[in-house]
Amino acid sequence: MTRHALLAAFLPFTILAADWPQWRGPNQNGATEAENLPSKFSLSQGLKWSAPLPSSAASSPAVVGNSVFVSAIDVAEQKLLGICIDAQSGKERWRKAIGTGHKWDKNSNLASPSPAADAKNVYFFFATGDLHAYDHQGNEVWTRQISKDHGNFGTQWTYSSSATLDNGKLYVQVLQRDESFVFQGVTKGTPGGDNRSYILCLDATTGKDVWKQFRSSDAVAETLEAFSSPVFYDHEGQRQMLIVGGDCITGHKASTGEEIWRWGSWNPDKIGHWRLVPSVVALDGIALACAPKNNPVFGIKLGLKGKLDDSAIAWTSDPKVVTTDVSTPLAYQGFFYVLDSGRKTISCLEPKTGKVLWTGETGSKAKFESSPVAADGKIYMTNFWGEVYVVAANPAKFELLHVAEMGNGSKAQGNDESVRASVAIANNCLYIRTQDKIHCVAP
C-alpha cells in the first residue's frame, strides 16, 4: 500500500501538501509549498510526459496522490467526460461519460468548471449542472443534476463556476439573473421558476444537500451573473466562505452559509453588463474584490459585520496600473500578485496598504485568462496560446525567468480553443493543460 493510500484509509478527506485538489490549490490561494520546481522547460526539456486530451476546456486539472483528474468533451459523440490519468506515467486509467453536449456559445464549452478531489473521491461538475462523484478507481459513488433539482443556471455566457471542497463539504455557487431569458437560442434560467442566486452545500460523501443559502444583490441584468467560485479563509478563529459577484463581496459562515458581512458597490450607476469572473483571494486580514471591465481592485478589511460602508475599504487600486477582468489574483509568501489579462502585466502588492511594489511587462502577444499559481519562489501563468510565463516571486523586483511554448501552435484568441486552464502544482511537478494535451514537467 502506498503512502497516499495508507493515509487515505485512515483520513478519507485528508489532502497532503503534495496535492493540488482543486482549481486554486490546497490553500485556495493559488500557492503551495512544493520545492525544486523548474524555471526553464519546454516540450523538449524537462518534460516527463504528455497525454492527449479529447478537447480543449477552461477547466484546470486536479491532482491527488498518483491521479490527475481532467474534465473534457468528446466533441464527435457530444459527451461530457471525466478522465483519470496516472500522474507518474501519463497513461489514461479511465474515463467516464457524465452527460451530453458540447457548447452553447463560441467562447467556452460545457467543461469549463474544474474538477475537485479529496483522498477518497473526485467530483466532476459541468455547466449543464451534471455533478458526479467517483472514487479514484473509477467507481461511481453518487450523481446529481443540480440544474434539475434547483433550476437551470441563468448566466448569459456558459456557466463556469467550479465546485469547491472544504472540510468534507462540496460548495456550488450559482450567481445568476433573477429571471429567465433566451440568449443565442438557448433558454437560460427557469421560466416561471425561482431564479434567485444561491450557494448550495452538499455532503461530499453522499452528495445530499446540507443547506441552500440564497444570496441577494442590488445588481441588474447581466451584472447579477458571476463566474467566480467560493473561497474559504480562516480569520480570527472563524472559517468564512467568501463570495464575490453581483456588485458586492460577502462573507458567510462556512458551516451554515449565513451571511456575516457584505460590501459593495463598485457599480453605483447600476451598469447592466458588468458580469464578474475573478474569485476572492485573502491574505493578512484583507480580501480582494476585483471589479470587472478594467476597474479597480478593492482591498476589503476582514473581521467586520453587517452591511459595510466604504470605511471597510483598506485600499483601492489605480486601475491604470492594477486591474483584472478575468484572472483571479494570487496570494503568496505575504504578497498579492495581480495578473492583468488585457495589458499582459503582473503586479506585486502589499496586502495591508495596496502599495504597488512593481508592475512587470510579460511581453506576451496573447491575452491571459488563466490565473497565476506559485511555489518554490516562482509564479506560473499560461496565455491563450499555451505559452507558460515564469516570473520570480520576488517583491523587490520584477524578473521574467522564462517563457515556455507548450501549446500546439494555435493562435486562437478568445474562443473555446484558447488556453484558459491554470497550471496545477503537485508531486513537485507542473501539470499544464493546453489546447489538446496535458503535460507533466518534472524538476
Protein backbone atom coordinates (compact mmCIF):
# COMPACT_ATOMS: atom_id res chain seq x y z
CA MET A 1 0.00 0.00 0.00
CA THR A 2 1.38 3.40 -0.98
CA ARG A 3 1.85 6.24 1.49
CA HIS A 4 -1.09 8.13 -0.04
CA ALA A 5 -3.31 5.05 0.05
CA LEU A 6 -2.38 4.28 3.66
CA LEU A 7 -3.20 7.78 4.81
CA ALA A 8 -6.41 7.80 2.78
CA ALA A 9 -7.59 4.65 4.55
CA PHE A 10 -7.49 6.43 7.91
CA LEU A 11 -8.19 10.03 6.84
CA PRO A 12 -10.62 9.82 3.89
CA PHE A 13 -10.78 13.56 3.24
CA THR A 14 -7.17 14.48 4.05
CA ILE A 15 -5.27 16.35 1.35
CA LEU A 16 -1.49 16.28 1.53
CA ALA A 17 0.83 19.21 0.85
CA ALA A 18 1.96 17.46 -2.33
CA ASP A 19 -1.57 17.54 -3.79
CA TRP A 20 -3.43 20.12 -5.87
CA PRO A 21 -7.03 19.14 -5.07
CA GLN A 22 -8.93 21.88 -6.89
CA TRP A 23 -8.67 24.96 -9.07
CA ARG A 24 -6.89 27.31 -6.61
CA GLY A 25 -4.83 24.58 -4.99
CA PRO A 26 -4.59 23.15 -1.47
CA ASN A 27 -4.70 26.56 0.25
CA GLN A 28 -7.34 28.13 -2.02
CA ASN A 29 -4.95 30.98 -2.82
CA GLY A 30 -3.12 29.67 -5.90
CA ALA A 31 0.02 28.70 -3.99
CA THR A 32 1.62 25.64 -2.47
CA GLU A 33 4.80 24.61 -0.65
CA ALA A 34 6.28 22.49 -3.45
CA GLU A 35 10.04 22.69 -3.93
CA ASN A 36 12.65 22.19 -6.65
CA LEU A 37 10.35 23.30 -9.46
CA PRO A 38 11.86 24.13 -12.84
CA SER A 39 12.15 27.69 -14.04
CA LYS A 40 13.13 26.64 -17.56
CA PHE A 41 11.40 23.90 -19.53
CA SER A 42 9.88 23.21 -22.93
CA LEU A 43 8.36 20.42 -24.99
CA SER A 44 11.89 19.06 -25.39
CA GLN A 45 13.37 19.93 -21.98
CA GLY A 46 12.18 18.69 -18.60
CA LEU A 47 9.05 17.07 -20.00
CA LYS A 48 8.16 13.93 -18.05
CA TRP A 49 5.16 13.01 -20.19
CA SER A 50 2.39 14.37 -22.40
CA ALA A 51 -1.08 12.88 -22.60
CA PRO A 52 -3.64 13.62 -25.32
CA LEU A 53 -7.00 15.09 -24.36
CA PRO A 54 -10.18 14.78 -26.41
CA SER A 55 -10.88 18.54 -26.31
CA SER A 56 -9.83 21.90 -25.04
CA ALA A 57 -11.55 23.31 -21.94
CA ALA A 58 -11.15 26.14 -19.45
CA SER A 59 -11.15 23.65 -16.56
CA SER A 60 -7.87 23.11 -14.72
CA PRO A 61 -6.50 19.72 -13.58
CA ALA A 62 -6.87 18.41 -10.04
CA VAL A 63 -4.07 16.16 -8.74
CA VAL A 64 -4.33 13.96 -5.65
CA GLY A 65 -1.80 11.24 -4.95
CA ASN A 66 -0.96 9.47 -8.17
CA SER A 67 -4.09 10.61 -10.00
CA VAL A 68 -4.64 13.55 -12.35
CA PHE A 69 -8.30 14.39 -12.95
CA VAL A 70 -9.42 16.35 -16.01
CA SER A 71 -12.80 17.39 -17.44
CA ALA A 72 -13.18 17.29 -21.22
CA ILE A 73 -15.64 16.71 -24.05
CA ASP A 74 -15.91 14.07 -26.74
CA VAL A 75 -16.97 16.51 -29.44
CA ALA A 76 -17.91 13.87 -32.02
CA GLU A 77 -20.11 11.97 -29.56
CA GLN A 78 -21.28 15.12 -27.71
CA LYS A 79 -20.37 13.58 -24.35
CA LEU A 80 -19.12 15.25 -21.20
CA LEU A 81 -16.14 13.33 -19.85
CA GLY A 82 -14.39 12.83 -16.54
CA ILE A 83 -10.88 11.46 -17.08
CA CYS A 84 -8.28 9.99 -14.70
CA ILE A 85 -4.61 9.96 -15.77
CA ASP A 86 -1.71 8.31 -13.96
CA ALA A 87 0.38 11.15 -12.50
CA GLN A 88 3.67 9.29 -12.95
CA SER A 89 3.32 7.76 -16.40
CA GLY A 90 0.72 9.92 -18.14
CA LYS A 91 -1.32 6.86 -19.10
CA GLU A 92 -5.07 7.20 -19.03
CA ARG A 93 -6.58 4.97 -16.35
CA TRP A 94 -10.26 5.56 -17.02
CA ARG A 95 -12.82 7.91 -18.49
CA LYS A 96 -16.50 8.29 -17.73
CA ALA A 97 -19.30 9.76 -19.84
CA ILE A 98 -21.13 12.04 -17.42
CA GLY A 99 -23.60 13.98 -19.56
CA THR A 100 -24.22 15.22 -23.08
CA GLY A 101 -23.48 18.39 -25.01
CA HIS A 102 -20.60 20.46 -26.29
CA LYS A 103 -21.09 24.24 -26.12
CA TRP A 104 -23.75 26.94 -26.01
CA ASP A 105 -21.66 29.85 -27.27
CA LYS A 106 -18.43 30.37 -29.22
CA ASN A 107 -16.31 31.46 -26.26
CA SER A 108 -16.47 28.43 -23.96
CA ASN A 109 -17.64 24.84 -23.79
CA LEU A 110 -19.53 22.93 -21.14
CA ALA A 111 -16.36 21.59 -19.46
CA SER A 112 -15.44 25.00 -18.02
CA PRO A 113 -15.82 24.20 -14.26
CA SER A 114 -12.75 22.47 -12.82
CA PRO A 115 -12.96 19.12 -11.01
CA ALA A 116 -12.18 18.82 -7.30
CA ALA A 117 -10.80 15.79 -5.47
CA ASP A 118 -10.03 14.55 -1.99
CA ALA A 119 -8.10 11.46 -0.92
CA LYS A 120 -11.20 9.32 -1.48
CA ASN A 121 -13.23 10.72 -4.39
CA VAL A 122 -13.17 13.05 -7.38
CA TYR A 123 -16.07 15.37 -8.20
CA PHE A 124 -16.70 16.31 -11.85
CA PHE A 125 -19.00 19.28 -12.44
CA PHE A 126 -20.20 20.67 -15.77
CA ALA A 127 -22.08 23.77 -16.98
CA THR A 128 -25.15 21.57 -17.55
CA GLY A 129 -25.42 21.02 -13.79
CA ASP A 130 -24.22 17.40 -14.02
CA LEU A 131 -22.22 16.64 -10.85
CA HIS A 132 -20.81 13.13 -10.42
CA ALA A 133 -18.58 11.64 -7.73
CA TYR A 134 -16.25 8.70 -8.44
CA ASP A 135 -13.68 7.01 -6.27
CA HIS A 136 -10.11 7.00 -7.53
CA GLN A 137 -10.63 3.61 -9.18
CA GLY A 138 -13.46 4.99 -11.32
CA ASN A 139 -16.42 3.52 -9.42
CA GLU A 140 -19.42 5.82 -9.28
CA VAL A 141 -20.20 6.96 -5.72
CA TRP A 142 -23.13 9.30 -6.34
CA THR A 143 -24.60 11.52 -9.04
CA ARG A 144 -26.61 14.75 -9.03
CA GLN A 145 -28.21 17.05 -11.59
CA ILE A 146 -28.06 20.42 -9.86
CA SER A 147 -29.96 22.33 -12.54
CA LYS A 148 -32.76 19.74 -12.43
CA ASP A 149 -33.00 19.92 -8.64
CA HIS A 150 -32.54 23.69 -8.25
CA GLY A 151 -33.30 25.24 -11.66
CA ASN A 152 -31.38 25.92 -14.87
CA PHE A 153 -28.40 28.23 -14.49
CA GLY A 154 -29.30 31.75 -15.58
CA THR A 155 -26.00 33.07 -16.95
CA GLN A 156 -25.71 34.66 -20.38
CA TRP A 157 -22.33 33.11 -21.15
CA THR A 158 -21.56 29.49 -20.30
CA TYR A 159 -21.72 28.80 -16.56
CA SER A 160 -18.13 28.31 -15.36
CA SER A 161 -18.01 28.41 -11.55
CA SER A 162 -16.11 25.47 -10.06
CA ALA A 163 -17.41 23.47 -7.11
CA THR A 164 -15.18 23.98 -4.06
CA LEU A 165 -14.26 21.34 -1.48
CA ASP A 166 -13.81 22.37 2.14
CA ASN A 167 -13.82 20.18 5.26
CA GLY A 168 -15.78 17.30 3.75
CA LYS A 169 -18.37 19.53 2.10
CA LEU A 170 -18.78 20.49 -1.56
CA TYR A 171 -19.98 24.01 -2.32
CA VAL A 172 -21.69 25.05 -5.57
CA GLN A 173 -22.14 28.75 -6.31
CA VAL A 174 -24.86 29.94 -8.70
CA LEU A 175 -24.89 33.73 -9.13
CA GLN A 176 -27.38 34.36 -11.89
CA ARG A 177 -30.06 36.64 -13.30
CA ASP A 178 -33.29 36.82 -11.35
CA GLU A 179 -35.44 35.91 -14.35
CA SER A 180 -35.20 33.53 -17.28
CA PHE A 181 -34.16 34.76 -20.73
CA VAL A 182 -33.06 33.46 -24.13
CA PHE A 183 -29.50 34.00 -25.40
CA GLN A 184 -28.30 32.75 -28.79
CA GLY A 185 -31.26 30.40 -28.98
CA VAL A 186 -30.69 28.83 -25.55
CA THR A 187 -33.10 29.36 -22.65
CA LYS A 188 -31.22 30.46 -19.55
CA GLY A 189 -32.71 30.18 -16.09
CA THR A 190 -36.04 28.54 -15.32
CA PRO A 191 -39.14 30.10 -16.95
CA GLY A 192 -41.69 30.76 -14.21
CA GLY A 193 -39.33 29.33 -11.58
CA ASP A 194 -37.21 30.61 -8.71
CA ASN A 195 -34.19 32.27 -10.30
CA ARG A 196 -32.61 33.75 -7.19
CA SER A 197 -28.84 33.42 -6.78
CA TYR A 198 -27.71 30.88 -4.19
CA ILE A 199 -24.90 28.87 -2.64
CA LEU A 200 -25.51 25.14 -2.22
CA CYS A 201 -23.64 22.98 0.29
CA LEU A 202 -23.53 19.21 -0.27
CA ASP A 203 -22.16 16.37 1.79
CA ALA A 204 -19.17 15.12 -0.20
CA THR A 205 -19.71 11.53 0.97
CA THR A 206 -23.36 11.22 -0.07
CA GLY A 207 -24.00 14.10 -2.47
CA LYS A 208 -27.06 15.14 -0.44
CA ASP A 209 -27.93 18.79 0.17
CA VAL A 210 -26.80 20.11 3.56
CA TRP A 211 -28.09 23.65 3.12
CA LYS A 212 -29.02 26.20 0.46
CA GLN A 213 -28.39 29.87 1.11
CA PHE A 214 -29.95 32.48 -1.15
CA ARG A 215 -27.74 35.49 -1.87
CA SER A 216 -29.47 38.76 -2.70
CA SER A 217 -27.99 41.60 -4.76
CA ASP A 218 -28.98 45.06 -5.95
CA ALA A 219 -27.30 44.48 -9.32
CA VAL A 220 -29.29 44.32 -12.54
CA ALA A 221 -29.38 42.20 -15.73
CA GLU A 222 -26.06 40.52 -16.66
CA THR A 223 -24.30 42.20 -13.73
CA LEU A 224 -26.11 39.76 -11.42
CA GLU A 225 -24.05 36.98 -13.01
CA ALA A 226 -20.65 35.83 -11.77
CA PHE A 227 -18.27 33.10 -12.88
CA SER A 228 -16.24 33.23 -9.69
CA SER A 229 -16.05 30.31 -7.24
CA PRO A 230 -16.36 30.11 -3.43
CA VAL A 231 -13.14 30.60 -1.45
CA PHE A 232 -12.66 29.65 2.22
CA TYR A 233 -10.44 31.51 4.65
CA ASP A 234 -9.79 31.45 8.40
CA HIS A 235 -9.97 34.82 10.14
CA GLU A 236 -9.87 35.34 13.89
CA GLY A 237 -10.79 31.70 14.52
CA GLN A 238 -13.75 31.66 12.16
CA ARG A 239 -13.94 29.76 8.88
CA GLN A 240 -15.55 32.06 6.33
CA MET A 241 -16.82 31.44 2.83
CA LEU A 242 -16.01 34.43 0.61
CA ILE A 243 -18.23 35.15 -2.41
CA VAL A 244 -17.91 37.93 -4.99
CA GLY A 245 -20.35 38.92 -7.73
CA GLY A 246 -23.49 40.95 -8.26
CA ASP A 247 -21.58 44.18 -7.50
CA CYS A 248 -20.66 43.08 -3.96
CA ILE A 249 -18.41 40.87 -1.86
CA THR A 250 -19.89 38.87 1.02
CA GLY A 251 -18.57 36.76 3.87
CA HIS A 252 -20.55 33.78 5.17
CA LYS A 253 -20.29 31.24 7.96
CA ALA A 254 -18.84 28.17 6.29
CA SER A 255 -20.92 25.89 8.50
CA THR A 256 -24.34 27.33 7.64
CA GLY A 257 -23.95 29.79 4.76
CA GLU A 258 -25.35 32.58 6.93
CA GLU A 259 -24.17 35.96 5.69
CA ILE A 260 -21.87 37.75 8.16
CA TRP A 261 -20.99 40.86 6.18
CA ARG A 262 -21.15 42.44 2.76
CA TRP A 263 -19.58 45.38 0.99
CA GLY A 264 -20.48 46.98 -2.36
CA SER A 265 -20.81 48.54 -4.77
CA TRP A 266 -18.19 49.36 -7.38
CA ASN A 267 -21.09 49.97 -9.75
CA PRO A 268 -23.22 52.81 -8.29
CA ASP A 269 -24.67 53.63 -11.72
CA LYS A 270 -26.14 50.10 -12.00
CA ILE A 271 -24.46 49.33 -15.33
CA GLY A 272 -26.12 46.13 -16.55
CA HIS A 273 -23.33 44.25 -18.35
CA TRP A 274 -20.66 44.03 -15.61
CA ARG A 275 -20.59 40.25 -15.12
CA LEU A 276 -17.74 39.21 -12.84
CA VAL A 277 -15.12 36.47 -13.27
CA PRO A 278 -12.26 36.64 -10.70
CA SER A 279 -12.74 34.91 -7.36
CA VAL A 280 -11.76 36.32 -3.99
CA VAL A 281 -8.28 35.85 -2.59
CA ALA A 282 -7.46 36.70 1.03
CA LEU A 283 -4.26 37.39 2.93
CA ASP A 284 -3.27 39.15 6.15
CA GLY A 285 -6.84 40.15 7.02
CA ILE A 286 -7.56 41.61 3.57
CA ALA A 287 -9.89 40.14 0.92
CA LEU A 288 -9.63 41.28 -2.69
CA ALA A 289 -12.73 42.12 -4.72
CA CYS A 290 -11.77 42.68 -8.36
CA ALA A 291 -14.27 44.89 -10.18
CA PRO A 292 -14.71 43.94 -13.86
CA LYS A 293 -14.11 45.82 -17.12
CA ASN A 294 -10.71 47.33 -16.19
CA ASN A 295 -11.99 48.84 -12.96
CA PRO A 296 -10.15 48.88 -9.60
CA VAL A 297 -9.21 46.09 -7.24
CA PHE A 298 -10.54 46.73 -3.73
CA GLY A 299 -8.83 45.57 -0.55
CA ILE A 300 -11.62 44.91 1.98
CA LYS A 301 -10.94 44.57 5.72
CA LEU A 302 -11.97 41.25 7.22
CA GLY A 303 -13.41 40.93 10.73
CA LEU A 304 -16.35 43.32 10.29
CA LYS A 305 -20.07 42.55 10.42
CA GLY A 306 -23.25 43.67 8.72
CA LYS A 307 -23.71 45.89 5.68
CA LEU A 308 -20.43 47.79 5.44
CA ASP A 309 -19.83 51.30 4.21
CA ASP A 310 -16.69 52.47 2.45
CA SER A 311 -14.75 52.64 5.72
CA ALA A 312 -14.32 48.87 5.20
CA ILE A 313 -12.08 49.58 2.21
CA ALA A 314 -8.43 49.27 3.21
CA TRP A 315 -7.30 50.49 -0.21
CA THR A 316 -8.36 50.86 -3.83
CA SER A 317 -6.01 50.28 -6.75
CA ASP A 318 -5.39 52.70 -9.58
CA PRO A 319 -6.95 50.72 -12.46
CA LYS A 320 -4.47 52.26 -14.89
CA VAL A 321 -1.84 50.23 -13.03
CA VAL A 322 -3.60 47.31 -11.28
CA THR A 323 -6.79 45.67 -12.55
CA THR A 324 -8.01 42.24 -13.62
CA ASP A 325 -11.07 41.35 -15.63
CA VAL A 326 -10.69 37.56 -15.69
CA SER A 327 -7.67 36.17 -13.81
CA THR A 328 -8.02 35.57 -10.07
CA PRO A 329 -5.11 37.11 -8.11
CA LEU A 330 -2.51 35.05 -6.28
CA ALA A 331 -1.55 35.28 -2.58
CA TYR A 332 1.97 34.02 -1.99
CA GLN A 333 4.66 34.50 0.67
CA GLY A 334 2.98 37.56 2.14
CA PHE A 335 2.10 39.42 -1.07
CA PHE A 336 -0.68 39.70 -3.63
CA TYR A 337 0.11 39.23 -7.32
CA VAL A 338 -2.47 40.57 -9.79
CA LEU A 339 -2.37 39.49 -13.46
CA ASP A 340 -3.89 41.95 -15.95
CA SER A 341 -5.25 39.90 -18.84
CA GLY A 342 -5.53 42.65 -21.41
CA ARG A 343 -2.31 44.58 -20.73
CA LYS A 344 -0.39 41.33 -20.10
CA THR A 345 1.23 42.74 -16.97
CA ILE A 346 1.58 41.37 -13.44
CA SER A 347 1.83 43.50 -10.29
CA CYS A 348 3.09 42.78 -6.78
CA LEU A 349 1.18 44.48 -3.93
CA GLU A 350 1.44 44.82 -0.17
CA PRO A 351 -1.75 43.35 1.37
CA LYS A 352 -2.36 45.92 4.12
CA THR A 353 -1.72 49.07 2.09
CA GLY A 354 -2.19 48.06 -1.54
CA LYS A 355 1.18 49.66 -2.31
CA VAL A 356 2.36 48.52 -5.74
CA LEU A 357 5.91 47.27 -5.34
CA TRP A 358 6.30 46.65 -9.07
CA THR A 359 4.43 46.07 -12.30
CA GLY A 360 6.11 43.91 -14.90
CA GLU A 361 5.51 43.64 -18.65
CA THR A 362 5.39 40.00 -19.73
CA GLY A 363 5.73 40.81 -23.42
CA SER A 364 3.02 38.29 -24.31
CA LYS A 365 1.21 38.85 -27.62
CA ALA A 366 -1.79 36.85 -26.44
CA LYS A 367 -4.18 37.51 -23.55
CA PHE A 368 -4.09 35.72 -20.21
CA GLU A 369 -7.34 34.33 -18.84
CA SER A 370 -5.79 31.62 -16.69
CA SER A 371 -4.90 32.53 -13.10
CA PRO A 372 -1.35 32.70 -11.75
CA VAL A 373 -0.07 29.97 -9.43
CA ALA A 374 3.11 29.84 -7.37
CA ALA A 375 5.56 27.63 -5.49
CA ASP A 376 9.31 27.45 -4.91
CA GLY A 377 9.69 31.19 -5.41
CA LYS A 378 8.23 31.10 -8.92
CA ILE A 379 4.95 32.22 -10.48
CA TYR A 380 3.48 30.33 -13.46
CA MET A 381 0.80 31.67 -15.80
CA THR A 382 -0.44 30.49 -19.21
CA ASN A 383 -1.69 32.67 -22.06
CA PHE A 384 -4.27 31.89 -24.76
CA TRP A 385 -1.65 30.21 -26.96
CA GLY A 386 -0.37 27.81 -24.31
CA GLU A 387 2.79 29.78 -23.56
CA VAL A 388 3.74 29.47 -19.88
CA TYR A 389 5.37 32.57 -18.40
CA VAL A 390 7.60 32.07 -15.37
CA VAL A 391 8.16 35.09 -13.11
CA ALA A 392 10.23 35.33 -9.94
CA ALA A 393 8.05 35.75 -6.83
CA ASN A 394 10.33 38.49 -5.55
CA PRO A 395 8.75 41.61 -4.01
CA ALA A 396 11.96 43.56 -4.60
CA LYS A 397 11.84 43.48 -8.40
CA PHE A 398 10.12 42.06 -11.47
CA GLU A 399 12.07 39.33 -13.22
CA LEU A 400 10.79 37.27 -16.15
CA LEU A 401 12.66 33.98 -15.83
CA HIS A 402 11.40 32.06 -18.86
CA VAL A 403 8.70 31.62 -21.49
CA ALA A 404 7.85 28.02 -22.38
CA GLU A 405 5.90 27.34 -25.58
CA MET A 406 3.79 24.37 -24.51
CA GLY A 407 0.82 24.78 -26.89
CA ASN A 408 0.08 23.18 -30.25
CA GLY A 409 0.77 26.28 -32.31
CA SER A 410 -2.82 27.55 -32.36
CA LYS A 411 -3.14 31.34 -32.23
CA ALA A 412 -6.78 31.29 -31.11
CA GLN A 413 -7.85 34.46 -29.31
CA GLY A 414 -10.97 34.31 -27.19
CA ASN A 415 -12.82 31.20 -28.38
CA ASP A 416 -13.10 27.77 -26.80
CA GLU A 417 -9.77 26.70 -28.36
CA SER A 418 -7.94 29.36 -26.33
CA VAL A 419 -5.99 28.05 -23.34
CA ARG A 420 -7.61 29.25 -20.11
CA ALA A 421 -6.65 26.44 -17.73
CA SER A 422 -4.35 27.30 -14.83
CA VAL A 423 -1.26 25.24 -14.06
CA ALA A 424 -1.57 22.65 -11.27
CA ILE A 425 1.44 22.05 -8.99
CA ALA A 426 1.67 18.63 -7.33
CA ASN A 427 4.27 15.95 -6.59
CA ASN A 428 6.88 18.70 -7.18
CA CYS A 429 5.80 18.74 -10.83
CA LEU A 430 3.88 21.13 -13.08
CA TYR A 431 0.72 19.84 -14.77
CA ILE A 432 -0.02 22.09 -17.74
CA ARG A 433 -3.20 21.82 -19.77
CA THR A 434 -3.03 23.24 -23.31
CA GLN A 435 -5.32 23.02 -26.35
CA ASP A 436 -5.27 19.25 -26.79
CA LYS A 437 -2.81 17.84 -24.25
CA ILE A 438 -1.82 17.82 -20.63
CA HIS A 439 1.92 17.96 -19.95
CA CYS A 440 3.82 16.97 -16.83
CA VAL A 441 7.04 18.90 -16.28
CA ALA A 442 9.40 17.48 -13.67
CA PRO A 443 12.44 19.03 -11.91
